[in-house]
Protein backbone atom coordinates (compact mmCIF):
# COMPACT_ATOMS: atom_id res chain seq x y z
CA UNK A 1 115.22 251.03 -159.02
CA UNK A 2 116.58 252.71 -155.90
CA UNK A 3 117.85 256.25 -156.55
CA UNK A 4 119.92 256.33 -153.36
CA UNK A 5 123.01 254.49 -152.17
CA UNK A 6 124.18 254.66 -148.57
CA UNK A 7 127.06 252.98 -146.82
CA UNK A 8 128.47 253.45 -143.33
CA UNK A 9 132.15 252.67 -142.89
CA UNK A 10 134.53 252.73 -139.96
CA UNK A 11 137.45 254.95 -140.99
CA UNK A 12 140.55 256.30 -139.31
CA UNK A 13 140.78 260.06 -138.66
CA UNK A 14 144.02 261.88 -138.01
CA UNK A 15 143.95 265.59 -137.21
CA UNK A 16 146.20 268.12 -135.55
CA UNK A 17 149.19 265.82 -135.15
CA UNK A 18 147.20 263.17 -133.24
CA UNK A 19 147.31 259.42 -133.74
CA UNK A 20 144.61 257.86 -135.89
CA UNK A 21 141.30 257.13 -134.20
CA UNK A 22 138.14 255.45 -135.46
CA UNK A 23 135.11 257.44 -136.59
CA UNK A 24 132.15 256.62 -138.79
CA UNK A 25 131.89 257.81 -142.38
CA UNK A 26 128.38 257.86 -143.83
CA UNK A 27 128.67 257.92 -147.62
CA UNK A 28 125.56 258.87 -149.53
CA UNK A 29 124.69 259.10 -153.20
CA UNK A 30 121.48 260.56 -154.61
CA UNK A 31 120.68 260.29 -158.33
CA UNK A 32 119.21 263.82 -158.15
CA UNK A 33 122.78 265.10 -157.58
CA UNK A 34 124.58 262.63 -159.86
CA UNK A 35 128.09 264.08 -159.71
CA UNK A 36 128.35 264.19 -155.92
CA UNK A 37 128.90 261.89 -152.97
CA UNK A 38 128.07 263.25 -149.54
CA UNK A 39 130.43 262.20 -146.75
CA UNK A 40 129.36 262.78 -143.15
CA UNK A 41 131.93 261.96 -140.49
CA UNK A 42 130.66 261.29 -136.97
CA UNK A 43 131.86 260.13 -133.58
CA UNK A 44 129.77 259.29 -130.50
CA UNK A 45 126.62 260.47 -132.30
CA UNK A 46 128.11 263.89 -133.08
CA UNK A 47 128.71 265.12 -136.64
CA UNK A 48 132.33 266.16 -137.01
CA UNK A 49 132.23 267.28 -140.64
CA UNK A 50 130.11 267.08 -143.78
CA UNK A 51 131.66 267.28 -147.24
CA UNK A 52 130.28 267.08 -150.79
CA UNK A 53 132.76 265.11 -152.86
CA UNK A 54 133.09 264.75 -156.61
CA UNK A 55 132.16 261.14 -157.45
CA UNK A 56 134.59 260.86 -160.37
CA UNK A 57 137.45 262.35 -158.35
CA UNK A 58 136.74 259.90 -155.51
CA UNK A 59 137.09 257.01 -157.95
CA UNK A 60 140.27 258.39 -159.49
CA UNK A 61 141.77 258.79 -156.01
CA UNK A 62 141.70 255.01 -155.62
CA UNK A 63 144.40 254.69 -158.29
CA UNK A 64 146.34 257.98 -158.31
CA UNK A 65 146.70 261.26 -156.39
CA UNK A 66 144.00 263.79 -157.32
CA UNK A 67 142.96 267.22 -156.07
CA UNK A 68 144.79 270.47 -155.50
CA UNK A 69 142.40 272.47 -153.36
CA UNK A 70 140.53 271.77 -150.13
CA UNK A 71 140.00 268.07 -150.90
CA UNK A 72 142.72 265.66 -152.03
CA UNK A 73 142.72 261.88 -152.46
CA UNK A 74 145.52 259.36 -152.96
CA UNK A 75 145.97 255.60 -152.69
CA UNK A 76 148.12 254.30 -149.82
CA UNK A 77 149.41 250.77 -149.28
CA UNK A 78 150.24 249.73 -145.74
CA UNK A 79 151.23 246.08 -145.83
CA UNK A 80 148.20 244.02 -146.81
CA UNK A 81 145.86 247.05 -146.58
CA UNK A 82 144.94 249.17 -149.54
CA UNK A 83 143.68 252.48 -148.23
CA UNK A 84 142.33 255.68 -149.72
CA UNK A 85 143.86 258.69 -148.01
CA UNK A 86 141.42 261.61 -148.01
CA UNK A 87 142.84 265.00 -147.00
CA UNK A 88 140.55 267.87 -146.08
CA UNK A 89 141.72 271.45 -145.62
CA UNK A 90 139.60 274.00 -143.79
CA UNK A 91 139.79 277.61 -142.70
CA UNK A 92 143.04 279.40 -141.97
CA UNK A 93 144.54 279.60 -138.48
CA UNK A 94 145.61 282.98 -137.11
CA UNK A 95 149.24 281.82 -137.58
CA UNK A 96 148.67 281.41 -141.33
CA UNK A 97 148.31 277.60 -141.37
CA UNK A 98 145.09 275.81 -142.20
CA UNK A 99 142.92 273.33 -140.36
CA UNK A 100 143.75 269.92 -141.80
CA UNK A 101 142.33 266.44 -141.29
CA UNK A 102 143.26 263.17 -142.92
CA UNK A 103 140.91 260.23 -143.20
CA UNK A 104 142.07 256.72 -144.09
CA UNK A 105 139.45 254.34 -145.47
CA UNK A 106 139.69 250.79 -146.75
CA UNK A 107 139.88 251.25 -150.54
CA UNK A 108 137.88 248.13 -151.52
CA UNK A 109 134.91 249.43 -149.48
CA UNK A 110 134.98 252.75 -151.35
CA UNK A 111 135.28 250.92 -154.68
CA UNK A 112 132.25 248.76 -153.80
CA UNK A 113 130.24 251.85 -152.83
CA UNK A 114 131.14 253.54 -156.13
CA UNK A 115 130.14 250.44 -158.11
CA UNK A 116 126.70 250.66 -156.47
CA UNK A 117 126.42 254.34 -157.45
CA UNK A 118 127.33 253.40 -161.03
CA UNK A 119 124.41 250.97 -161.07
CA UNK A 120 122.11 253.90 -160.21
CA UNK A 121 123.67 256.40 -162.63
CA UNK A 122 126.43 255.13 -164.92
CA UNK A 123 129.47 257.35 -165.46
CA UNK A 124 128.82 259.59 -168.46
CA UNK A 125 125.03 259.26 -168.04
CA UNK A 126 124.75 262.02 -165.41
CA UNK A 127 122.26 264.74 -166.21
CA UNK A 128 121.76 268.07 -164.53
CA UNK A 129 118.43 269.86 -164.74
CA UNK A 130 119.92 273.25 -165.63
CA UNK A 131 116.71 274.56 -167.19
CA UNK A 132 114.68 273.67 -164.09
CA UNK A 133 117.31 275.15 -161.81
CA UNK A 134 117.43 278.44 -163.76
CA UNK A 135 113.62 278.66 -163.84
CA UNK A 136 113.56 278.20 -160.06
CA UNK A 137 116.22 280.89 -159.53
CA UNK A 138 114.47 283.33 -161.84
CA UNK A 139 111.10 282.85 -160.13
CA UNK A 140 112.71 283.32 -156.74
CA UNK A 141 111.98 279.76 -155.54
């Protein structure tokens, strides 16, 4: 069985008061890090941002608003489209505000990606090798 799931989606990015524009979102899941989904956003071959997302939170965001910190998700309906709104907050500006970007992605595509990850590691079946990790830290590796 494959331990990796990857999907590339065209999403809409909105940042700094601009209109939405299309970028690529590369979603990745690795069974060795079973709680996380990696999202890499790119445009014209350039990486714009890379985020580690909580897999469970991503799924919950398809049905209700979740998150209070730097990453927040919520479902959005715009006519026939069901979207997942993903908000990302970055470092503070000198004026006290924060960098902020919003990504809109077609919700059924995210749901399909998550179903594939659940085939690799079912929810509730995630395991973390804490003993191995601590042994590596202690030995300086």
